[in-house]
């Protein structure tokens, strides 16, 4: 039932752009990442996620943050905002820094605050 609602939302605002993975011909391939939107621009978003790396010298683990710039299609521009938890997928290089495209929104920014409050 949720899938039907997502498809109806997307088809109502079709963009007919070449760089859209839903309505256009852009193919999503390779790696996918989930992260929180830290910045939102007109045609792109910046997502950030944490990863754990092993530091051999100290025999400990450390947290590192990674930022990825992703293309945001016009048809999905109104559906996302800063703080949302989203999924981005790898595609062909779209510009100098953009090699990923927005695929779907997993959770709202409001849900993030509720999860953090319940863990305290």
Protein backbone atom coordinates (compact mmCIF):
# COMPACT_ATOMS: atom_id res chain seq x y z
CA UNK A 1 0.00 0.00 0.00
CA UNK A 2 2.88 2.38 0.77
CA UNK A 3 4.43 1.70 -2.64
CA UNK A 4 1.20 2.71 -4.36
CA UNK A 5 1.14 6.02 -2.49
CA UNK A 6 4.75 6.78 -3.43
CA UNK A 7 4.14 6.11 -7.12
CA UNK A 8 1.03 8.29 -7.19
CA UNK A 9 2.91 11.16 -5.55
CA UNK A 10 5.69 10.92 -8.10
CA UNK A 11 3.46 10.59 -11.16
CA UNK A 12 1.45 13.67 -10.17
CA UNK A 13 4.54 15.85 -10.62
CA UNK A 14 6.31 14.29 -13.59
CA UNK A 15 9.46 16.08 -14.66
CA UNK A 16 10.34 14.49 -18.02
CA UNK A 17 14.02 15.25 -17.42
CA UNK A 18 16.91 13.17 -18.67
CA UNK A 19 18.60 13.12 -15.25
CA UNK A 20 15.64 11.65 -13.35
CA UNK A 21 15.89 7.96 -12.36
CA UNK A 22 12.08 7.62 -12.23
CA UNK A 23 10.89 9.53 -15.31
CA UNK A 24 14.11 9.85 -17.31
CA UNK A 25 16.78 7.55 -18.66
CA UNK A 26 19.31 7.82 -15.82
CA UNK A 27 20.39 4.38 -14.61
CA UNK A 28 21.21 3.79 -10.95
CA UNK A 29 24.01 1.26 -10.59
CA UNK A 30 26.79 0.38 -8.19
CA UNK A 31 26.83 1.45 -4.55
CA UNK A 32 23.95 2.89 -2.53
CA UNK A 33 24.21 4.91 0.67
CA UNK A 34 21.76 5.98 3.34
CA UNK A 35 22.29 9.25 5.18
CA UNK A 36 20.82 12.47 6.53
CA UNK A 37 20.43 15.54 4.33
CA UNK A 38 22.67 18.32 5.66
CA UNK A 39 22.24 20.85 2.84
CA UNK A 40 19.67 21.29 0.11
CA UNK A 41 20.22 23.29 -3.05
CA UNK A 42 18.10 23.86 -6.14
CA UNK A 43 19.21 20.73 -7.99
CA UNK A 44 21.33 18.82 -5.48
CA UNK A 45 21.50 17.66 -1.89
CA UNK A 46 24.40 16.89 0.42
CA UNK A 47 24.01 13.81 2.57
CA UNK A 48 26.20 12.85 5.50
CA UNK A 49 26.65 9.48 7.17
CA UNK A 50 28.99 7.97 9.74
CA UNK A 51 31.23 4.99 9.17
CA UNK A 52 33.52 3.13 11.54
CA UNK A 53 37.17 2.58 10.61
CA UNK A 54 39.87 0.62 12.39
CA UNK A 55 42.98 2.55 13.50
CA UNK A 56 45.77 0.00 13.51
CA UNK A 57 48.23 2.09 15.52
CA UNK A 58 45.92 2.38 18.53
CA UNK A 59 44.03 -0.88 17.98
CA UNK A 60 40.75 1.00 18.28
CA UNK A 61 37.84 1.99 16.12
CA UNK A 62 37.08 5.58 15.14
CA UNK A 63 33.99 7.23 13.67
CA UNK A 64 34.39 9.18 10.44
CA UNK A 65 31.79 11.24 8.60
CA UNK A 66 31.41 11.13 4.84
CA UNK A 67 29.65 13.75 2.71
CA UNK A 68 28.19 12.90 -0.68
CA UNK A 69 26.68 15.30 -3.20
CA UNK A 70 23.65 13.84 -4.97
CA UNK A 71 21.45 15.03 -7.81
CA UNK A 72 17.91 15.98 -6.77
CA UNK A 73 15.36 15.66 -9.61
CA UNK A 74 12.78 18.44 -9.95
CA UNK A 75 9.87 16.04 -9.41
CA UNK A 76 11.18 15.17 -5.93
CA UNK A 77 12.34 18.65 -4.86
CA UNK A 78 9.26 19.39 -2.72
CA UNK A 79 9.22 15.97 -1.02
CA UNK A 80 12.52 16.31 0.87
CA UNK A 81 13.95 18.76 3.39
CA UNK A 82 17.06 19.11 5.54
CA UNK A 83 17.26 16.38 8.17
CA UNK A 84 15.45 13.66 6.19
CA UNK A 85 16.98 10.18 6.06
CA UNK A 86 17.35 9.28 2.37
CA UNK A 87 18.77 6.67 0.02
CA UNK A 88 21.11 7.72 -2.81
CA UNK A 89 22.48 5.52 -5.57
CA UNK A 90 25.53 5.71 -7.77
CA UNK A 91 25.10 6.75 -11.39
CA UNK A 92 27.23 8.15 -14.21
CA UNK A 93 29.07 11.41 -13.44
CA UNK A 94 26.54 14.24 -13.76
CA UNK A 95 28.98 17.06 -12.95
CA UNK A 96 32.37 17.62 -11.35
CA UNK A 97 31.20 16.62 -7.85
CA UNK A 98 27.90 14.81 -8.45
CA UNK A 99 28.13 11.05 -9.05
CA UNK A 100 25.03 10.00 -7.09
CA UNK A 101 21.29 10.56 -7.49
CA UNK A 102 18.46 10.73 -4.95
CA UNK A 103 16.44 7.51 -5.04
CA UNK A 104 13.94 7.61 -2.16
CA UNK A 105 13.12 9.15 1.18
CA UNK A 106 13.23 6.62 4.01
CA UNK A 107 12.28 8.73 7.03
CA UNK A 108 11.23 12.33 7.76
CA UNK A 109 13.30 14.75 9.80
CA UNK A 110 10.56 14.70 12.46
CA UNK A 111 10.95 10.94 12.88
CA UNK A 112 14.68 11.42 13.54
CA UNK A 113 13.93 13.68 16.49
CA UNK A 114 11.41 11.18 17.89
CA UNK A 115 13.95 8.33 17.68
CA UNK A 116 16.61 10.37 19.47
CA UNK A 117 14.17 11.42 22.21
CA UNK A 118 13.07 7.84 22.87
CA UNK A 119 16.65 6.61 23.19
CA UNK A 120 17.41 9.03 26.03
